[in-house]
Protein backbone atom coordinates (compact mmCIF):
# COMPACT_ATOMS: atom_id res chain seq x y z
CA MET A 1 -0.04 0.00 0.00
CA PHE A 2 1.30 3.41 -0.97
CA GLN A 3 -0.32 6.59 0.33
CA LEU A 4 0.48 10.23 -0.24
CA GLU A 5 -0.76 12.47 2.60
CA GLU A 6 -0.35 16.00 1.21
CA LYS A 7 -0.41 15.89 -2.57
CA ILE A 8 -0.61 19.72 -2.86
CA TRP A 9 3.12 19.94 -2.04
CA PHE A 10 3.97 18.31 -5.46
CA TRP A 11 3.61 21.92 -6.79
CA ALA A 12 6.84 22.73 -4.97
CA LEU A 13 8.58 20.71 -7.59
CA CYS A 14 7.84 23.48 -10.04
CA VAL A 15 10.62 25.48 -8.27
CA ILE A 16 13.22 23.30 -9.87
CA PRO A 17 12.64 24.29 -13.40
CA ALA A 18 12.44 28.01 -12.25
CA ILE A 19 15.95 27.58 -10.59
CA ILE A 20 17.39 26.05 -13.77
CA ILE A 21 16.05 28.88 -15.87
CA ILE A 22 17.38 31.55 -13.46
CA TYR A 23 20.75 29.78 -13.53
CA LEU A 24 20.90 29.76 -17.35
CA VAL A 25 19.86 33.36 -17.61
CA LEU A 26 22.52 34.43 -15.11
CA GLN A 27 25.20 32.41 -16.91
CA LEU A 28 24.31 34.11 -20.21
CA TRP A 29 24.32 37.49 -18.61
CA LYS A 30 27.69 36.72 -16.95
CA ARG A 31 29.21 35.62 -20.27
CA HIS A 32 27.90 38.74 -22.01
CA THR A 33 29.15 41.07 -19.29
CA GLN A 34 32.63 39.39 -19.31
CA LYS A 35 32.82 39.84 -23.11
CA LYS A 36 32.12 43.54 -22.71
CA PHE A 37 34.74 43.86 -20.03
CA ALA A 38 37.63 42.06 -21.74
CA ASP A 39 38.57 39.60 -24.35
CA LYS A 40 38.97 35.89 -23.87
CA ALA A 41 42.70 35.73 -23.36
CA LEU A 42 42.64 38.55 -20.66
CA LEU A 43 39.79 36.78 -18.75
CA LYS A 44 41.82 33.60 -18.70
CA ARG A 45 44.74 35.53 -17.24
CA LEU A 46 42.44 37.31 -14.67
CA SER A 47 40.68 34.12 -13.44
CA PRO A 48 42.63 31.03 -14.56
CA ASN A 49 41.29 28.51 -12.25
CA ARG A 50 37.57 29.15 -12.91
CA SER A 51 35.61 25.90 -12.71
CA VAL A 52 32.38 25.26 -14.67
CA PHE A 53 31.96 21.91 -12.95
CA LYS A 54 31.57 23.47 -9.45
CA SER A 55 28.78 25.83 -10.49
CA VAL A 56 26.86 22.97 -12.31
CA LEU A 57 27.43 20.76 -9.24
CA LYS A 58 26.01 23.44 -6.99
CA LEU A 59 22.97 23.74 -9.19
CA VAL A 60 22.38 19.92 -9.20
CA ILE A 61 22.67 19.81 -5.45
CA ILE A 62 20.29 22.70 -4.93
CA CYS A 63 17.71 21.12 -7.23
CA LEU A 64 18.06 17.75 -5.42
CA ALA A 65 17.62 19.50 -2.07
CA PHE A 66 14.32 21.16 -3.38
CA ALA A 67 13.15 17.83 -4.71
CA ALA A 68 13.88 16.02 -1.43
CA LEU A 69 12.06 18.81 0.54
CA ALA A 70 9.04 18.52 -1.71
CA ILE A 71 8.83 14.80 -1.36
CA ALA A 72 9.24 15.11 2.43
CA LEU A 73 6.35 17.59 2.51
CA VAL A 74 4.13 15.24 0.52
CA ASN A 75 4.65 12.68 3.31
CA PRO A 76 4.55 9.41 1.49
CA LYS A 77 3.65 6.36 3.47
CA VAL A 78 4.35 2.85 2.50
CA GLY A 79 2.88 -0.23 4.23
CA THR A 80 1.53 -3.68 3.56
CA LYS A 81 -2.00 -3.10 4.88
CA LEU A 82 -4.23 -0.56 6.44
CA GLU A 83 -5.21 -0.96 10.16
CA THR A 84 -7.78 1.09 11.96
CA VAL A 85 -6.79 1.84 15.63
CA LYS A 86 -9.29 2.85 18.17
């Protein structure tokens, strides 16, 4: 038997695509602003150890955290049978 107590909290999963869209827009803005500031060779000299992997990993962890929070708020219950307790 599988039961979901608060199904309304599944709407909280809509936050995840919003986070991804905001991340992509900010990355595009950041790239555009950096191109206006300096050329590619100078940017590599200014910040040589910039990691793309870390920012993507941060995004994935935040999305997983929101998904776990939404699933916890739904409060799924798993059992073999229902019992009525007086």
